[in-house]
């Protein structure tokens, strides 16, 4: 499963493991907690943390793009899995990422949906 490491904000010790396949969060924690989780999965990489710390995301900038997917300059993140059935894909403002992930962890689908915008 493809996943990216997203840092919540430059000044916070908070990281999200984001499933690019499901367009959904898999994990949230401090760097130490996230490193341990990634080691357990066999996916730990210092390079991923370095990119996340530098740009906001471990995703690589697509050729010809000025924006790193899920990074500081990416205003919206595509979300899907975990929303109420039949919702489909939606846009999540990056500024709402932490609240969205915490709502996902707690199973608050309605709150997750309220933080998103229609995907058009």
N, C-alpha and C. Protein backbone atom coordinates (compact mmCIF):
# COMPACT_ATOMS: atom_id res chain seq x y z
N UNK A 1 0.84 -1.17 0.00
CA UNK A 1 0.00 0.00 0.00
C UNK A 1 0.89 1.24 0.00
N UNK A 2 0.62 2.20 -0.89
CA UNK A 2 1.39 3.43 -0.97
C UNK A 2 0.96 4.38 0.15
N UNK A 3 1.94 4.91 0.84
CA UNK A 3 1.62 5.88 1.89
C UNK A 3 2.64 7.01 1.86
N UNK A 4 2.20 8.16 2.37
CA UNK A 4 3.05 9.33 2.48
C UNK A 4 3.08 9.76 3.94
N UNK A 5 4.15 10.40 4.31
CA UNK A 5 4.32 10.96 5.63
C UNK A 5 4.00 12.45 5.51
N UNK A 6 3.07 12.94 6.31
CA UNK A 6 2.70 14.35 6.28
C UNK A 6 2.98 14.94 7.65
N UNK A 7 3.70 16.06 7.67
CA UNK A 7 3.93 16.78 8.92
C UNK A 7 2.81 17.80 9.07
N UNK A 8 2.17 17.83 10.23
CA UNK A 8 1.02 18.70 10.46
C UNK A 8 1.36 20.16 10.22
N UNK A 9 2.43 20.65 10.81
CA UNK A 9 2.87 22.03 10.59
C UNK A 9 4.36 22.11 10.91
N UNK A 10 5.04 23.13 10.37
CA UNK A 10 6.50 23.20 10.57
C UNK A 10 6.94 23.22 12.02
N UNK A 11 6.12 23.80 12.90
CA UNK A 11 6.51 23.97 14.29
C UNK A 11 5.94 22.92 15.25
N UNK A 12 5.34 21.86 14.71
CA UNK A 12 4.72 20.83 15.55
C UNK A 12 5.42 19.48 15.37
N UNK A 13 5.52 18.72 16.43
CA UNK A 13 6.06 17.37 16.38
C UNK A 13 4.89 16.41 16.21
N UNK A 14 4.26 16.47 15.04
CA UNK A 14 3.07 15.66 14.76
C UNK A 14 3.09 15.25 13.29
N UNK A 15 3.00 13.93 13.07
CA UNK A 15 3.10 13.36 11.72
C UNK A 15 1.92 12.44 11.46
N UNK A 16 1.48 12.43 10.21
CA UNK A 16 0.40 11.56 9.77
C UNK A 16 0.96 10.61 8.72
N UNK A 17 0.61 9.32 8.83
CA UNK A 17 0.85 8.39 7.74
C UNK A 17 -0.43 8.38 6.94
N UNK A 18 -0.34 8.78 5.67
CA UNK A 18 -1.50 8.97 4.80
C UNK A 18 -1.50 7.92 3.70
N UNK A 19 -2.58 7.19 3.57
CA UNK A 19 -2.71 6.20 2.50
C UNK A 19 -3.09 6.90 1.20
N UNK A 20 -2.20 6.86 0.25
CA UNK A 20 -2.50 7.43 -1.07
C UNK A 20 -3.51 6.55 -1.80
N UNK A 21 -3.54 5.29 -1.48
CA UNK A 21 -4.46 4.34 -2.11
C UNK A 21 -5.90 4.60 -1.67
N UNK A 22 -6.10 4.78 -0.36
CA UNK A 22 -7.45 4.96 0.19
C UNK A 22 -7.84 6.43 0.37
N UNK A 23 -6.88 7.35 0.15
CA UNK A 23 -7.11 8.77 0.40
C UNK A 23 -7.61 8.97 1.83
N UNK A 24 -6.85 8.39 2.79
CA UNK A 24 -7.28 8.42 4.18
C UNK A 24 -6.08 8.32 5.13
N UNK A 25 -6.25 8.84 6.35
CA UNK A 25 -5.17 8.71 7.33
C UNK A 25 -5.09 7.29 7.87
N UNK A 26 -3.88 6.87 8.15
CA UNK A 26 -3.64 5.56 8.77
C UNK A 26 -3.11 5.70 10.19
N UNK A 27 -2.48 6.84 10.50
CA UNK A 27 -1.77 6.97 11.77
C UNK A 27 -1.51 8.44 12.05
N UNK A 28 -1.46 8.82 13.31
CA UNK A 28 -0.99 10.14 13.72
C UNK A 28 -0.20 9.96 15.00
N UNK A 29 0.91 10.68 15.10
CA UNK A 29 1.73 10.59 16.30
C UNK A 29 2.93 11.52 16.23
N UNK A 30 3.71 11.52 17.30
CA UNK A 30 4.95 12.29 17.32
C UNK A 30 5.95 11.64 16.37
N UNK A 31 7.08 12.28 16.17
CA UNK A 31 8.08 11.68 15.29
C UNK A 31 8.53 10.34 15.86
N UNK A 32 8.80 10.28 17.15
CA UNK A 32 9.26 9.02 17.76
C UNK A 32 8.21 7.92 17.59
N UNK A 33 6.95 8.24 17.84
CA UNK A 33 5.88 7.25 17.68
C UNK A 33 5.73 6.82 16.22
N UNK A 34 5.84 7.78 15.32
CA UNK A 34 5.68 7.48 13.90
C UNK A 34 6.86 6.68 13.38
N UNK A 35 8.06 7.00 13.84
CA UNK A 35 9.23 6.20 13.46
C UNK A 35 9.05 4.75 13.89
N UNK A 36 8.58 4.55 15.12
CA UNK A 36 8.36 3.18 15.63
C UNK A 36 7.31 2.46 14.78
N UNK A 37 6.23 3.15 14.43
CA UNK A 37 5.18 2.54 13.60
C UNK A 37 5.73 2.16 12.23
N UNK A 38 6.49 3.06 11.63
CA UNK A 38 7.04 2.77 10.30
C UNK A 38 8.08 1.64 10.35
N UNK A 39 8.86 1.57 11.42
CA UNK A 39 9.82 0.46 11.57
C UNK A 39 9.07 -0.87 11.67
N UNK A 40 7.98 -0.87 12.43
CA UNK A 40 7.17 -2.08 12.57
C UNK A 40 6.62 -2.53 11.21
N UNK A 41 6.28 -1.58 10.37
CA UNK A 41 5.76 -1.88 9.03
C UNK A 41 6.88 -2.18 8.02
N UNK A 42 8.13 -1.94 8.43
CA UNK A 42 9.24 -2.11 7.50
C UNK A 42 9.33 -0.99 6.48
N UNK A 43 8.81 0.19 6.85
CA UNK A 43 8.76 1.32 5.92
C UNK A 43 9.53 2.55 6.39
N UNK A 44 10.32 2.43 7.45
CA UNK A 44 11.02 3.61 7.99
C UNK A 44 12.10 4.08 7.03
N UNK A 45 12.22 5.39 6.91
CA UNK A 45 13.24 5.99 6.06
C UNK A 45 13.53 7.40 6.55
N UNK A 46 14.79 7.68 6.85
CA UNK A 46 15.16 9.04 7.25
C UNK A 46 14.88 10.03 6.14
N UNK A 47 15.01 9.60 4.89
CA UNK A 47 14.76 10.49 3.75
C UNK A 47 13.29 10.95 3.74
N UNK A 48 12.38 10.07 4.10
CA UNK A 48 10.96 10.45 4.16
C UNK A 48 10.73 11.53 5.22
N UNK A 49 11.35 11.37 6.39
CA UNK A 49 11.21 12.38 7.44
C UNK A 49 11.87 13.69 7.01
N UNK A 50 13.00 13.62 6.33
CA UNK A 50 13.68 14.83 5.87
C UNK A 50 12.79 15.60 4.89
N UNK A 51 12.18 14.89 3.94
CA UNK A 51 11.28 15.56 2.98
C UNK A 51 10.06 16.15 3.70
N UNK A 52 9.49 15.39 4.64
CA UNK A 52 8.32 15.88 5.38
C UNK A 52 8.68 17.13 6.19
N UNK A 53 9.84 17.14 6.79
CA UNK A 53 10.26 18.30 7.57
C UNK A 53 10.53 19.50 6.68
N UNK A 54 11.05 19.27 5.49
CA UNK A 54 11.39 20.36 4.57
C UNK A 54 10.18 20.93 3.84
N UNK A 55 9.27 20.04 3.38
CA UNK A 55 8.19 20.47 2.49
C UNK A 55 6.79 20.24 3.06
N UNK A 56 6.70 19.49 4.17
CA UNK A 56 5.40 19.16 4.74
C UNK A 56 4.92 17.77 4.37
N UNK A 57 5.63 17.13 3.43
CA UNK A 57 5.20 15.81 2.94
C UNK A 57 6.39 15.03 2.43
N UNK A 58 6.32 13.72 2.58
CA UNK A 58 7.37 12.86 2.03
C UNK A 58 7.16 12.59 0.54
N UNK A 59 6.00 13.02 0.01
CA UNK A 59 5.74 12.83 -1.42
C UNK A 59 6.74 13.65 -2.22
N UNK A 60 7.06 13.16 -3.38
CA UNK A 60 7.99 13.88 -4.26
C UNK A 60 7.19 14.82 -5.16
N UNK A 61 7.80 15.96 -5.44
CA UNK A 61 7.18 16.95 -6.32
C UNK A 61 7.08 16.38 -7.73
N UNK A 62 5.88 16.36 -8.31
CA UNK A 62 5.75 15.86 -9.68
C UNK A 62 6.50 16.78 -10.66
N UNK A 63 7.05 16.18 -11.67
CA UNK A 63 7.78 16.95 -12.67
C UNK A 63 6.86 18.01 -13.27
N UNK A 64 7.35 19.23 -13.34
CA UNK A 64 6.58 20.33 -13.90
C UNK A 64 5.63 21.00 -12.92
N UNK A 65 5.60 20.55 -11.67
CA UNK A 65 4.71 21.14 -10.67
C UNK A 65 5.50 21.96 -9.66
N UNK A 66 4.88 23.00 -9.17
CA UNK A 66 5.50 23.83 -8.12
C UNK A 66 5.07 23.38 -6.72
N UNK A 67 4.14 22.43 -6.66
CA UNK A 67 3.55 22.03 -5.38
C UNK A 67 3.86 20.57 -5.07
N UNK A 68 4.31 20.32 -3.85
CA UNK A 68 4.52 18.95 -3.36
C UNK A 68 3.17 18.44 -2.87
N UNK A 69 2.70 17.29 -3.38
CA UNK A 69 1.43 16.75 -2.88
C UNK A 69 1.44 16.61 -1.35
N UNK A 70 0.39 17.09 -0.71
CA UNK A 70 0.22 17.04 0.75
C UNK A 70 1.15 17.99 1.50
N UNK A 71 1.94 18.78 0.78
CA UNK A 71 2.93 19.67 1.40
C UNK A 71 2.35 20.98 1.89
N UNK A 72 3.25 21.84 2.40
CA UNK A 72 2.83 23.11 2.97
C UNK A 72 2.03 23.94 1.97
N UNK A 73 2.40 23.90 0.68
CA UNK A 73 1.76 24.73 -0.33
C UNK A 73 0.56 24.06 -1.00
N UNK A 74 0.24 22.85 -0.63
CA UNK A 74 -0.90 22.14 -1.20
C UNK A 74 -2.12 22.51 -0.36
N UNK A 75 -2.98 23.36 -0.88
CA UNK A 75 -4.09 23.90 -0.11
C UNK A 75 -5.13 22.85 0.28
N UNK A 76 -5.29 21.81 -0.57
CA UNK A 76 -6.31 20.80 -0.32
C UNK A 76 -5.74 19.40 -0.49
N UNK A 77 -6.29 18.47 0.27
CA UNK A 77 -5.92 17.05 0.19
C UNK A 77 -7.19 16.29 -0.20
N UNK A 78 -7.06 15.36 -1.12
CA UNK A 78 -8.19 14.52 -1.50
C UNK A 78 -8.42 13.47 -0.42
N UNK A 79 -9.66 13.37 0.05
CA UNK A 79 -10.02 12.37 1.06
C UNK A 79 -11.16 11.51 0.55
N UNK A 80 -11.25 10.29 1.06
CA UNK A 80 -12.31 9.39 0.61
C UNK A 80 -12.69 8.35 1.64
N UNK A 81 -11.82 7.41 1.90
CA UNK A 81 -12.10 6.30 2.82
C UNK A 81 -12.41 6.83 4.21
N UNK A 82 -13.41 6.24 4.86
CA UNK A 82 -13.77 6.61 6.22
C UNK A 82 -14.91 7.60 6.31
N UNK A 83 -15.26 8.21 5.17
CA UNK A 83 -16.42 9.10 5.16
C UNK A 83 -17.69 8.26 5.08
N UNK A 84 -18.84 8.85 5.37
CA UNK A 84 -20.09 8.08 5.29
C UNK A 84 -20.26 7.42 3.93
N UNK A 85 -20.85 6.22 3.88
CA UNK A 85 -21.04 5.50 2.61
C UNK A 85 -21.73 6.37 1.57
N UNK A 86 -21.26 6.27 0.33
CA UNK A 86 -21.84 7.00 -0.78
C UNK A 86 -21.34 8.43 -0.92
N UNK A 87 -20.47 8.86 -0.02
CA UNK A 87 -19.97 10.23 -0.05
C UNK A 87 -19.03 10.47 -1.23
N UNK A 88 -18.19 9.49 -1.52
CA UNK A 88 -17.21 9.66 -2.59
C UNK A 88 -16.03 10.51 -2.15
N UNK A 89 -15.23 10.93 -3.11
CA UNK A 89 -14.06 11.74 -2.81
C UNK A 89 -14.47 13.17 -2.47
N UNK A 90 -13.69 13.79 -1.58
CA UNK A 90 -13.95 15.16 -1.15
C UNK A 90 -12.61 15.89 -1.01
N UNK A 91 -12.66 17.21 -0.93
CA UNK A 91 -11.48 18.03 -0.67
C UNK A 91 -11.40 18.35 0.81
N UNK A 92 -10.21 18.22 1.38
CA UNK A 92 -9.96 18.60 2.77
C UNK A 92 -8.97 19.76 2.77
N UNK A 93 -9.33 20.92 3.32
CA UNK A 93 -8.34 21.98 3.45
C UNK A 93 -7.18 21.48 4.31
N UNK A 94 -5.95 21.72 3.87
CA UNK A 94 -4.80 21.21 4.61
C UNK A 94 -4.79 21.75 6.04
N UNK A 95 -5.31 22.95 6.23
CA UNK A 95 -5.37 23.54 7.56
C UNK A 95 -6.25 22.74 8.52
N UNK A 96 -7.14 21.91 7.99
CA UNK A 96 -8.04 21.09 8.82
C UNK A 96 -7.52 19.66 9.00
N UNK A 97 -6.31 19.38 8.52
CA UNK A 97 -5.79 18.01 8.51
C UNK A 97 -5.77 17.37 9.89
N UNK A 98 -5.22 18.05 10.87
CA UNK A 98 -5.09 17.43 12.20
C UNK A 98 -6.47 17.11 12.79
N UNK A 99 -7.41 18.04 12.71
CA UNK A 99 -8.75 17.79 13.22
C UNK A 99 -9.42 16.64 12.50
N UNK A 100 -9.20 16.57 11.19
CA UNK A 100 -9.78 15.49 10.38
C UNK A 100 -9.22 14.14 10.81
N UNK A 101 -7.91 14.07 10.99
CA UNK A 101 -7.27 12.80 11.36
C UNK A 101 -7.74 12.37 12.76
N UNK A 102 -7.82 13.31 13.69
CA UNK A 102 -8.29 12.97 15.03
C UNK A 102 -9.74 12.49 14.99
N UNK A 103 -10.57 13.13 14.16
CA UNK A 103 -11.96 12.68 14.01
C UNK A 103 -12.00 11.28 13.41
N UNK A 104 -11.11 11.00 12.46
CA UNK A 104 -11.05 9.67 11.84
C UNK A 104 -10.67 8.62 12.87
N UNK A 105 -9.68 8.93 13.69
CA UNK A 105 -9.23 7.99 14.72
C UNK A 105 -10.37 7.68 15.69
N UNK A 106 -11.20 8.68 15.97
CA UNK A 106 -12.30 8.53 16.93
C UNK A 106 -13.59 8.07 16.25
N UNK A 107 -13.57 7.88 14.92
CA UNK A 107 -14.74 7.39 14.21
C UNK A 107 -15.87 8.39 14.07
N UNK A 108 -15.55 9.67 14.07
CA UNK A 108 -16.56 10.71 13.97
C UNK A 108 -16.76 11.11 12.50
N UNK A 109 -17.48 10.27 11.75
CA UNK A 109 -17.67 10.48 10.32
C UNK A 109 -18.33 11.82 10.01
N UNK A 110 -19.32 12.19 10.79
CA UNK A 110 -20.02 13.45 10.55
C UNK A 110 -19.09 14.65 10.66
N UNK A 111 -18.22 14.63 11.67
CA UNK A 111 -17.25 15.72 11.83
C UNK A 111 -16.26 15.72 10.67
N UNK A 112 -15.84 14.52 10.24
CA UNK A 112 -14.93 14.42 9.10
C UNK A 112 -15.57 15.04 7.87
N UNK A 113 -16.81 14.68 7.60
CA UNK A 113 -17.52 15.19 6.44
C UNK A 113 -17.66 16.71 6.50
N UNK A 114 -17.96 17.23 7.69
CA UNK A 114 -18.16 18.68 7.86
C UNK A 114 -16.91 19.47 7.56
N UNK A 115 -15.74 18.88 7.67
CA UNK A 115 -14.48 19.58 7.42
C UNK A 115 -14.10 19.59 5.93
N UNK A 116 -14.85 18.87 5.12
CA UNK A 116 -14.48 18.72 3.71
C UNK A 116 -15.40 19.53 2.79
N UNK A 117 -14.97 19.62 1.54
CA UNK A 117 -15.73 20.31 0.49
C UNK A 117 -16.01 19.34 -0.63
N UNK A 118 -17.07 19.57 -1.41
CA UNK A 118 -17.36 18.68 -2.55
C UNK A 118 -16.18 18.60 -3.52
N UNK A 119 -15.97 17.46 -4.05
CA UNK A 119 -14.87 17.19 -5.00
C UNK A 119 -15.41 17.43 -6.40
N UNK A 120 -15.01 18.52 -7.00
CA UNK A 120 -15.52 18.86 -8.34
C UNK A 120 -14.39 19.17 -9.27
